[in-house]
Amino acid sequence: MAGEVSWNNLPSVILNEVFSYLSHNDKVRASSTCKNWRFALSHPRCWRNVHFVIKPSDKSNDIARTRYLVDCAARKLHNASVTFDSMDLVCVQETSNVVESLSENANLRRLFFKPSNCSLVCPGEQDDWPKYIERHFGIPLISAVRKSHHLEMLSLGCLEELVSSHAKAILENIVQKHASSITVLGLASIKDYPDNYFITDLNVNLLKPLKQLQILSLDYCHVNDNLLYILSEACTLTRLVVHVHGIMEEHPGTSEVAWSTLTRNLPNCELRLTLIHSYDGVDVLHSKILKRAMPLTHLKVFFCEKLNVEAVHQLSFYSETLRSIWWVDSMSCRGNSTLLQELDTVNPFIMCCWRCHNLEELVFLGHKYQFLDVYAVIRLRGATLRHLCLAAADIAFHHHQQCVSQLLEDLEQDITNCLKKPWTSLVEPQLHPVIWNSDAGDSDEFVLPIVLQDIEP
């Protein structure tokens, strides 16, 4: 009949237009209609955003699926993120195949690595791992930067070996090819051994031509007055993410003048400061790292095995900017009863909640405190506190041991009423094992997903 439509013979132009209105999952379903529709799925427009998930234990994202995605999309896509188990040899090898395929993609605009750990497990003897990383990650990544016509975002996923050995060359090539397009650059890392690590010779002067840079992450060893002056004059930065590990004796620190210049020239720039296993850093957080003129919005302290009470008191400096505090340690660490030993002074977190008008997130795990302190926090912040994370085991009910369960239940109900949403304290099954016991898990698994969000646009 003249009015009938042969759907399997639609012109490719029309078919591609139809596919452009479908979600990715719907495109995959539609491609099963017939051979022509399967061909339509291979159009570059269908593969602009691809998330590679490489975890052998996850049957829905097995190795075969990853290889198929590499064949279909790696040389066509615009935006790629790679989530993988960096402690699994097979996953690392498959990830290297993804990177090598991306190195031939001239359309690449965004690339984010999301590893499970800060280190890579590679084939062969451990002494040969740096060569493997250079051959299968470093060189292909540099090639991808050179091949791309318009790179906008790149995050190295806090991978220590990749950052320490190849960040310099990657930055040099970005400056040469993408100075006018790069907006997000993640060069911060997490150190496997925070007291003993190699410091890459990263020339921060290379950041001067990056006029469109909006989000930048770096390790504290590269942060000094020179960097702050460069950022103040060179770009439109809106977020600076700094990771603190060990503190070298020769590190000059930063000055109030340099931070004042940055905040004056970049009034919308926020600072997210993160200490990770920084046993030196947490000791000098109040005396060397924190500066009154910092535009500090987020402070995260992970597994530094100490609560620096004076530093927490100093957070009141940031009464107009501070929005988030994470202070997390293992419950098995020494010094987790600091606040209980200073009952004659006000809990510094209460002072923060009183003075920091924009505080909306508080995560405090691994240190003990009085249950009355929690009442003070919720009375001061109320529903403006969007995220409150506390562990039941950290809340002390001194002199009330006979009715702890009832007091905890009442506390949780009062918090629910104040926050205007259901709230309960965390119990052991809800906590990552490393929070309960430092020897029971890998802290990277807890820390990495959190800190990688800081580089997300």
Protein backbone atom coordinates (compact mmCIF):
# COMPACT_ATOMS: atom_id res chain seq x y z
CA MET A 1 0.00 0.00 0.00
CA ALA A 2 1.15 3.54 -0.77
CA GLY A 3 0.73 4.71 2.85
CA GLU A 4 2.90 2.02 4.40
CA VAL A 5 6.33 2.90 5.80
CA SER A 6 9.20 0.45 5.63
CA TRP A 7 10.92 1.21 8.95
CA ASN A 8 13.89 -0.99 8.15
CA ASN A 9 14.64 1.04 5.00
CA LEU A 10 14.58 4.53 6.45
CA PRO A 11 17.33 6.77 5.03
CA SER A 12 20.30 6.98 7.36
CA VAL A 13 19.90 10.77 7.70
CA ILE A 14 16.38 10.33 9.06
CA LEU A 15 17.38 7.38 11.23
CA ASN A 16 20.23 9.33 12.80
CA GLU A 17 17.84 12.19 13.49
CA VAL A 18 15.41 9.79 15.21
CA PHE A 19 18.24 8.37 17.32
CA SER A 20 19.29 11.86 18.41
CA TYR A 21 16.07 12.15 20.44
CA LEU A 22 16.63 8.88 22.33
CA SER A 23 18.52 8.22 25.54
CA HIS A 24 21.55 5.97 25.26
CA ASN A 25 19.67 2.96 26.66
CA ASP A 26 16.79 3.53 24.26
CA LYS A 27 19.23 3.75 21.35
CA VAL A 28 20.66 0.36 22.30
CA ARG A 29 17.15 -1.14 22.48
CA ALA A 30 16.13 0.41 19.17
CA SER A 31 19.26 -0.93 17.48
CA SER A 32 17.92 -4.47 17.90
CA THR A 33 15.11 -3.70 15.42
CA CYS A 34 17.05 -4.64 12.30
CA LYS A 35 20.46 -4.52 10.63
CA ASN A 36 20.11 -0.92 9.42
CA TRP A 37 19.17 0.28 12.86
CA ARG A 38 22.21 -1.48 14.31
CA PHE A 39 24.39 0.45 11.84
CA ALA A 40 22.79 3.68 13.08
CA LEU A 41 24.08 2.92 16.56
CA SER A 42 27.65 3.23 15.29
CA HIS A 43 27.18 6.88 14.33
CA PRO A 44 29.61 9.12 16.27
CA ARG A 45 26.70 11.16 17.63
CA CYS A 46 25.60 8.11 19.66
CA TRP A 47 28.93 7.86 21.48
CA ARG A 48 29.73 11.36 22.66
CA ASN A 49 29.65 10.46 26.36
CA VAL A 50 31.01 7.09 27.50
CA HIS A 51 31.66 5.84 31.00
CA PHE A 52 34.03 2.86 30.99
CA VAL A 53 33.59 0.68 34.08
CA ILE A 54 36.31 -1.95 34.47
CA LYS A 55 35.67 -4.15 37.49
CA PRO A 56 35.96 -7.93 37.04
CA SER A 57 33.71 -8.62 40.01
CA ASP A 58 30.87 -6.63 38.42
CA LYS A 59 29.17 -8.95 35.92
CA SER A 60 27.14 -6.13 34.38
CA ASN A 61 30.38 -4.34 33.42
CA ASP A 62 32.63 -7.21 32.43
CA ILE A 63 35.79 -7.05 30.35
CA ALA A 64 34.00 -8.07 27.15
CA ARG A 65 31.63 -5.11 27.45
CA THR A 66 34.57 -2.74 27.94
CA ARG A 67 36.33 -4.08 24.85
CA TYR A 68 33.16 -3.65 22.81
CA LEU A 69 32.83 -0.04 23.99
CA VAL A 70 36.47 0.59 23.10
CA ASP A 71 35.92 -0.74 19.59
CA CYS A 72 32.70 1.25 19.11
CA ALA A 73 33.47 4.51 20.81
CA ALA A 74 37.04 5.17 21.92
CA ARG A 75 38.01 6.92 18.66
CA LYS A 76 34.68 8.79 18.31
CA LEU A 77 33.61 9.96 21.76
CA HIS A 78 33.90 13.49 23.13
CA ASN A 79 33.70 12.85 26.87
CA ALA A 80 35.12 9.83 28.68
CA SER A 81 35.36 8.74 32.29
CA VAL A 82 37.16 5.55 33.31
CA THR A 83 36.23 3.83 36.57
CA PHE A 84 38.51 0.89 37.26
CA ASP A 85 40.04 -1.33 39.93
CA SER A 86 43.61 -0.09 40.00
CA MET A 87 44.71 -2.93 42.29
CA ASP A 88 43.57 -5.62 39.85
CA LEU A 89 46.13 -6.53 37.16
CA VAL A 90 43.56 -7.39 34.49
CA CYS A 91 41.64 -4.16 35.08
CA VAL A 92 44.82 -2.08 34.82
CA GLN A 93 45.72 -3.77 31.53
CA GLU A 94 42.22 -3.19 30.13
CA THR A 95 42.36 0.43 31.27
CA SER A 96 45.66 0.86 29.45
CA ASN A 97 43.91 -0.40 26.29
CA VAL A 98 41.25 2.29 26.76
CA VAL A 99 43.90 4.99 27.17
CA GLU A 100 45.85 3.82 24.13
CA SER A 101 42.67 3.90 22.03
CA LEU A 102 41.78 7.37 23.29
CA SER A 103 45.22 8.56 22.19
CA GLU A 104 43.98 8.35 18.59
CA ASN A 105 40.82 10.39 19.19
CA ALA A 106 40.93 13.93 17.80
CA ASN A 107 37.44 14.66 19.21
CA LEU A 108 38.36 14.07 22.87
CA ARG A 109 37.23 16.95 25.07
CA ARG A 110 36.94 15.53 28.57
CA LEU A 111 38.76 12.68 30.31
CA PHE A 112 38.37 11.74 33.98
CA PHE A 113 40.10 8.81 35.67
CA LYS A 114 38.31 7.26 38.66
CA PRO A 115 40.56 4.52 40.11
CA SER A 116 39.84 2.45 43.19
CA ASN A 117 43.23 3.29 44.76
CA CYS A 118 45.98 5.85 44.41
CA SER A 119 48.41 3.21 43.07
CA LEU A 120 48.49 1.01 39.99
CA VAL A 121 49.33 -2.70 40.08
CA CYS A 122 51.21 -3.54 36.89
CA PRO A 123 52.55 -6.70 35.20
CA GLY A 124 56.06 -7.93 35.96
CA GLU A 125 58.40 -7.08 38.81
CA GLN A 126 57.57 -4.02 40.88
CA ASP A 127 60.80 -2.31 39.82
CA ASP A 128 59.51 -2.44 36.23
CA TRP A 129 56.15 -0.86 37.00
CA PRO A 130 57.26 2.74 36.26
CA LYS A 131 58.26 1.69 32.74
CA TYR A 132 54.90 0.00 32.22
CA ILE A 133 53.03 3.10 33.45
CA GLU A 134 55.08 5.33 31.16
CA ARG A 135 54.54 3.09 28.12
CA HIS A 136 50.85 2.32 28.64
CA PHE A 137 49.55 5.41 30.48
CA GLY A 138 51.96 8.34 30.35
CA ILE A 139 52.91 8.30 26.65
CA PRO A 140 49.36 7.53 25.40
CA LEU A 141 47.94 10.30 27.59
CA ILE A 142 50.40 12.81 26.17
CA SER A 143 49.48 11.59 22.69
CA ALA A 144 45.79 12.05 23.49
CA VAL A 145 46.46 15.64 24.58
CA ARG A 146 48.38 16.31 21.37
CA LYS A 147 45.81 14.60 19.14
CA SER A 148 42.77 16.34 20.60
CA HIS A 149 41.58 19.45 18.79
CA HIS A 150 39.81 20.98 21.76
CA LEU A 151 40.60 19.48 25.19
CA GLU A 152 38.51 21.07 27.93
CA MET A 153 38.82 18.87 31.02
CA LEU A 154 41.40 16.39 32.30
CA SER A 155 41.73 14.71 35.71
CA LEU A 156 44.49 12.20 36.46
CA GLY A 157 42.39 10.62 39.19
CA CYS A 158 44.85 11.32 42.04
CA LEU A 159 47.02 8.44 40.75
CA GLU A 160 50.36 9.00 42.45
CA GLU A 161 52.60 7.43 39.78
CA LEU A 162 50.82 9.20 36.94
CA VAL A 163 50.94 12.60 38.64
CA SER A 164 54.52 12.40 39.94
CA SER A 165 56.08 11.15 36.70
CA HIS A 166 53.92 12.59 33.92
CA ALA A 167 51.99 15.66 35.14
CA LYS A 168 54.79 17.98 34.03
CA ALA A 169 54.86 16.69 30.43
CA ILE A 170 51.06 16.60 30.27
CA LEU A 171 50.83 20.20 31.47
CA GLU A 172 53.46 21.33 28.97
CA ASN A 173 51.48 19.80 26.11
CA ILE A 174 48.21 21.27 27.36
CA VAL A 175 49.80 24.72 27.38
CA GLN A 176 51.07 24.25 23.83
CA LYS A 177 47.82 22.92 22.38
CA HIS A 178 44.87 23.83 24.64
CA ALA A 179 45.72 27.01 26.53
CA SER A 180 42.53 28.67 25.29
CA SER A 181 40.18 25.73 25.92
CA ILE A 182 41.19 23.89 29.11
CA THR A 183 38.77 24.67 31.97
CA VAL A 184 39.31 21.79 34.43
CA LEU A 185 42.71 20.35 35.32
CA GLY A 186 43.16 17.72 38.05
CA LEU A 187 46.84 17.30 38.96
CA ALA A 188 46.50 16.57 42.68
CA SER A 189 47.40 13.14 44.01
CA ILE A 190 47.10 10.83 46.99
CA LYS A 191 50.36 9.48 48.36
CA ASP A 192 50.83 5.83 49.28
CA TYR A 193 53.56 6.84 51.75
CA PRO A 194 52.84 10.47 52.72
CA ASP A 195 56.11 10.89 54.63
CA ASN A 196 58.32 9.65 51.79
CA TYR A 197 57.45 10.47 48.20
CA PHE A 198 58.88 11.92 45.03
CA ILE A 199 58.03 15.57 44.30
CA THR A 200 57.61 16.22 40.61
CA ASP A 201 59.29 19.25 39.12
CA LEU A 202 56.07 20.99 38.11
CA ASN A 203 56.64 24.48 36.77
CA VAL A 204 53.61 26.46 37.96
CA ASN A 205 54.57 29.30 35.62
CA LEU A 206 53.14 27.12 32.86
CA LEU A 207 49.69 27.93 34.21
CA LYS A 208 49.95 31.56 33.05
CA PRO A 209 48.56 31.01 29.52
CA LEU A 210 45.53 29.02 30.74
CA LYS A 211 43.09 31.91 30.53
CA GLN A 212 39.93 29.77 30.70
CA LEU A 213 40.97 27.62 33.66
CA GLN A 214 38.14 27.40 36.20
CA ILE A 215 38.92 24.36 38.36
CA LEU A 216 42.46 23.33 39.33
CA SER A 217 43.71 20.70 41.76
CA LEU A 218 47.34 20.52 42.94
CA ASP A 219 49.39 19.05 45.74
CA TYR A 220 50.38 21.45 48.52
CA CYS A 221 54.07 21.07 47.65
CA HIS A 222 53.39 23.22 44.56
CA VAL A 223 51.35 25.85 46.39
CA ASN A 224 53.22 29.04 47.25
CA ASP A 225 52.88 32.79 46.79
CA ASN A 226 54.14 32.59 43.22
CA LEU A 227 51.34 30.19 42.29
CA LEU A 228 48.72 32.39 43.95
CA TYR A 229 49.93 35.50 42.11
CA ILE A 230 49.93 33.60 38.79
CA LEU A 231 46.36 32.39 39.33
CA SER A 232 45.28 35.88 40.42
CA GLU A 233 46.43 37.40 37.16
CA ALA A 234 46.13 34.61 34.62
CA CYS A 235 42.69 33.03 34.67
CA THR A 236 39.07 33.04 35.83
CA LEU A 237 39.53 30.38 38.50
CA THR A 238 36.42 29.49 40.51
CA ARG A 239 37.79 26.51 42.47
CA LEU A 240 41.25 25.66 43.77
CA VAL A 241 41.62 22.17 45.26
CA VAL A 242 44.75 21.52 47.36
CA HIS A 243 45.88 18.14 48.72
CA VAL A 244 48.23 18.16 51.71
CA HIS A 245 50.49 15.19 52.41
CA GLY A 246 53.90 15.52 54.04
CA ILE A 247 55.23 19.01 54.76
CA MET A 248 58.77 19.51 53.55
CA GLU A 249 61.01 21.68 55.74
CA GLU A 250 61.97 23.83 52.79
CA HIS A 251 58.37 24.54 51.78
CA PRO A 252 57.88 28.33 51.99
CA GLY A 253 54.18 28.19 52.79
CA THR A 254 51.88 31.01 51.70
CA SER A 255 51.30 34.55 52.91
CA GLU A 256 48.21 36.55 53.86
CA VAL A 257 49.14 39.10 51.18
CA ALA A 258 49.12 36.50 48.40
CA TRP A 259 45.75 35.08 49.50
CA SER A 260 44.32 38.59 49.77
CA THR A 261 45.44 39.30 46.22
CA LEU A 262 43.81 36.10 44.99
CA THR A 263 40.49 36.78 46.69
CA ARG A 264 40.48 40.40 45.50
CA ASN A 265 41.19 39.49 41.86
CA LEU A 266 39.09 36.32 41.89
CA PRO A 267 36.18 37.07 44.24
CA ASN A 268 34.27 33.94 43.16
CA CYS A 269 37.16 31.54 43.73
CA GLU A 270 36.70 28.94 46.47
CA LEU A 271 39.41 26.90 48.18
CA ARG A 272 38.93 23.24 49.01
CA LEU A 273 41.71 22.07 51.34
CA THR A 274 42.20 18.34 51.93
CA LEU A 275 44.68 16.64 54.27
CA ILE A 276 45.19 12.92 53.57
CA HIS A 277 47.35 10.86 55.94
CA SER A 278 49.12 14.14 56.60
CA TYR A 279 50.62 13.54 60.02
CA ASP A 280 52.89 16.58 59.58
CA GLY A 281 50.18 18.71 58.03
CA VAL A 282 47.62 18.22 60.78
CA ASP A 283 50.20 19.30 63.37
CA VAL A 284 50.87 22.62 61.63
CA LEU A 285 47.42 23.16 60.14
CA HIS A 286 46.73 26.07 62.50
CA SER A 287 50.23 27.58 62.45
CA LYS A 288 51.52 27.15 58.89
CA ILE A 289 48.75 26.16 56.48
CA LEU A 290 45.60 28.07 57.41
CA LYS A 291 45.60 31.79 56.56
CA ARG A 292 42.84 34.24 57.45
CA ALA A 293 42.61 35.54 53.88
CA MET A 294 42.02 32.10 52.38
CA PRO A 295 38.65 31.75 50.59
CA LEU A 296 38.18 28.43 52.38
CA THR A 297 34.86 26.74 51.62
CA HIS A 298 35.65 23.06 52.22
CA LEU A 299 38.03 21.43 54.71
CA LYS A 300 38.60 17.68 54.65
CA VAL A 301 40.96 15.88 57.04
CA PHE A 302 41.28 12.16 56.38
CA PHE A 303 43.13 9.67 58.59
CA CYS A 304 45.71 12.07 60.05
CA GLU A 305 45.32 10.40 63.47
CA LYS A 306 44.85 13.63 65.37
CA LEU A 307 42.23 16.26 66.10
CA ASN A 308 43.92 19.68 65.98
CA VAL A 309 41.57 21.58 68.28
CA GLU A 310 43.29 24.92 67.68
CA ALA A 311 42.87 24.51 63.91
CA VAL A 312 39.15 23.80 64.33
CA HIS A 313 38.83 26.96 66.45
CA GLN A 314 40.52 28.90 63.64
CA LEU A 315 37.84 27.80 61.17
CA SER A 316 35.78 30.65 62.59
CA PHE A 317 38.03 32.89 60.47
CA TYR A 318 35.96 31.71 57.51
CA SER A 319 32.56 32.69 58.87
CA GLU A 320 31.32 33.91 55.47
CA THR A 321 32.83 31.22 53.23
CA LEU A 322 33.08 27.85 55.03
CA ARG A 323 30.39 25.41 53.87
CA SER A 324 31.74 21.93 54.59
CA ILE A 325 33.87 20.15 57.21
CA TRP A 326 34.97 16.52 57.03
CA TRP A 327 37.19 15.24 59.84
CA VAL A 328 37.55 11.47 59.63
CA ASP A 329 39.85 9.08 61.50
CA SER A 330 39.81 5.42 62.42
CA MET A 331 38.16 4.78 65.75
CA SER A 332 41.16 2.67 66.70
CA CYS A 333 43.62 5.58 66.39
CA ARG A 334 45.23 7.18 69.40
CA GLY A 335 43.98 10.53 70.58
CA ASN A 336 40.36 9.95 69.63
CA SER A 337 39.14 11.18 73.03
CA THR A 338 40.67 14.67 72.81
CA LEU A 339 37.33 16.43 73.15
CA LEU A 340 36.38 14.34 76.19
CA GLN A 341 39.60 15.39 77.90
CA GLU A 342 38.81 19.08 77.47
CA LEU A 343 35.39 19.25 79.07
CA ASP A 344 36.15 22.66 80.58
CA THR A 345 36.27 24.26 77.10
CA VAL A 346 33.60 24.62 74.42
CA ASN A 347 33.68 22.00 71.67
CA PRO A 348 35.31 23.84 68.72
CA PHE A 349 32.80 22.38 66.27
CA ILE A 350 30.03 24.12 68.21
CA MET A 351 31.85 27.42 67.75
CA CYS A 352 32.11 26.72 64.01
CA CYS A 353 28.39 26.04 63.78
CA TRP A 354 27.69 29.30 65.60
CA ARG A 355 30.07 31.56 63.65
CA CYS A 356 30.12 30.01 60.15
CA HIS A 357 26.81 31.18 58.75
CA ASN A 358 26.96 29.08 55.58
CA LEU A 359 28.04 25.76 57.09
CA GLU A 360 25.83 23.10 55.54
CA GLU A 361 27.83 19.88 55.88
CA LEU A 362 29.52 18.28 58.89
CA VAL A 363 31.05 14.80 58.79
CA PHE A 364 32.85 13.91 62.02
CA LEU A 365 33.93 10.30 62.48
CA GLY A 366 36.50 8.57 64.68
CA HIS A 367 36.59 11.01 67.62
CA LYS A 368 34.45 10.92 70.75
CA TYR A 369 32.37 13.80 72.11
CA GLN A 370 29.50 14.40 74.52
CA PHE A 371 25.96 13.84 73.30
CA LEU A 372 25.01 17.31 74.52
CA ASP A 373 27.45 18.75 71.97
CA VAL A 374 25.32 17.26 69.20
CA TYR A 375 22.25 19.02 70.58
CA ALA A 376 24.18 22.30 70.45
CA VAL A 377 25.18 21.71 66.81
CA ILE A 378 21.67 21.00 65.58
CA ARG A 379 20.16 23.87 67.56
CA LEU A 380 22.63 26.28 65.96
CA ARG A 381 22.39 25.03 62.37
CA GLY A 382 18.92 23.52 62.14
CA ALA A 383 17.65 22.67 58.67
CA THR A 384 20.48 24.65 57.05
CA LEU A 385 22.70 21.65 57.84
CA ARG A 386 22.02 19.60 54.71
CA HIS A 387 24.35 16.74 55.61
CA LEU A 388 25.24 15.60 59.14
CA CYS A 389 27.19 12.36 59.48
CA LEU A 390 27.98 10.99 62.95
CA ALA A 391 28.68 7.50 64.28
CA ALA A 392 26.77 6.12 67.27
CA ALA A 393 30.02 4.70 68.70
CA ASP A 394 31.55 8.21 68.86
CA ILE A 395 28.77 9.72 70.97
CA ALA A 396 29.58 9.59 74.69
CA PHE A 397 26.85 9.39 77.33
CA HIS A 398 28.91 9.85 80.46
CA HIS A 399 26.96 9.43 83.70
CA HIS A 400 24.01 8.09 81.73
CA GLN A 401 25.20 4.57 80.98
CA GLN A 402 22.00 2.96 82.19
CA CYS A 403 19.80 4.63 79.57
CA VAL A 404 22.11 5.04 76.56
CA SER A 405 19.76 3.43 74.02
CA GLN A 406 16.86 5.70 75.05
CA LEU A 407 19.05 8.81 75.01
CA LEU A 408 20.37 7.93 71.55
CA GLU A 409 16.86 7.34 70.27
CA ASP A 410 15.73 10.70 71.65
CA LEU A 411 18.76 12.42 70.13
CA GLU A 412 18.07 10.94 66.70
CA GLN A 413 14.44 12.03 66.88
CA ASP A 414 15.40 15.57 67.85
CA ILE A 415 17.89 15.75 64.98
CA THR A 416 15.20 14.48 62.61
CA ASN A 417 12.91 17.26 63.77
CA CYS A 418 15.60 19.95 63.44
CA LEU A 419 16.80 18.84 60.01
CA LYS A 420 13.23 18.25 58.84
CA LYS A 421 14.18 14.87 57.38
CA PRO A 422 14.82 11.37 58.77
CA TRP A 423 18.21 11.04 60.49
CA THR A 424 20.00 8.25 62.34
CA SER A 425 23.57 7.86 63.55
CA LEU A 426 25.76 5.37 61.71
CA VAL A 427 26.39 1.92 63.20
CA GLU A 428 29.22 -0.48 62.39
CA PRO A 429 27.73 -2.18 59.27
CA GLN A 430 27.18 1.26 57.72
CA LEU A 431 30.78 2.38 58.23
CA HIS A 432 33.68 1.57 55.95
CA PRO A 433 35.86 -1.03 57.75
CA VAL A 434 38.86 1.34 57.84
CA ILE A 435 36.88 3.80 59.98
CA TRP A 436 36.10 1.13 62.52
CA ASN A 437 39.65 -0.24 62.50
CA SER A 438 42.65 1.17 60.62
CA ASP A 439 43.93 -2.35 59.91
CA ALA A 440 40.60 -3.62 58.57
CA GLY A 441 40.45 -1.87 55.22
CA ASP A 442 42.05 0.36 52.62
CA SER A 443 41.50 4.06 53.26
CA ASP A 444 41.82 4.84 49.52
CA GLU A 445 38.52 3.10 48.92
CA PHE A 446 36.86 5.56 51.29
CA VAL A 447 38.79 8.72 50.40
CA LEU A 448 39.06 8.60 46.60
CA PRO A 449 35.35 8.79 45.65
CA ILE A 450 35.01 11.80 47.95
CA VAL A 451 38.04 13.81 46.82
CA LEU A 452 37.44 13.07 43.13
CA GLN A 453 34.11 14.90 43.42
CA ASP A 454 36.06 18.10 44.14
CA ILE A 455 37.33 18.20 40.56
CA GLU A 456 33.93 17.56 38.99
CA PRO A 457 32.54 20.66 37.23
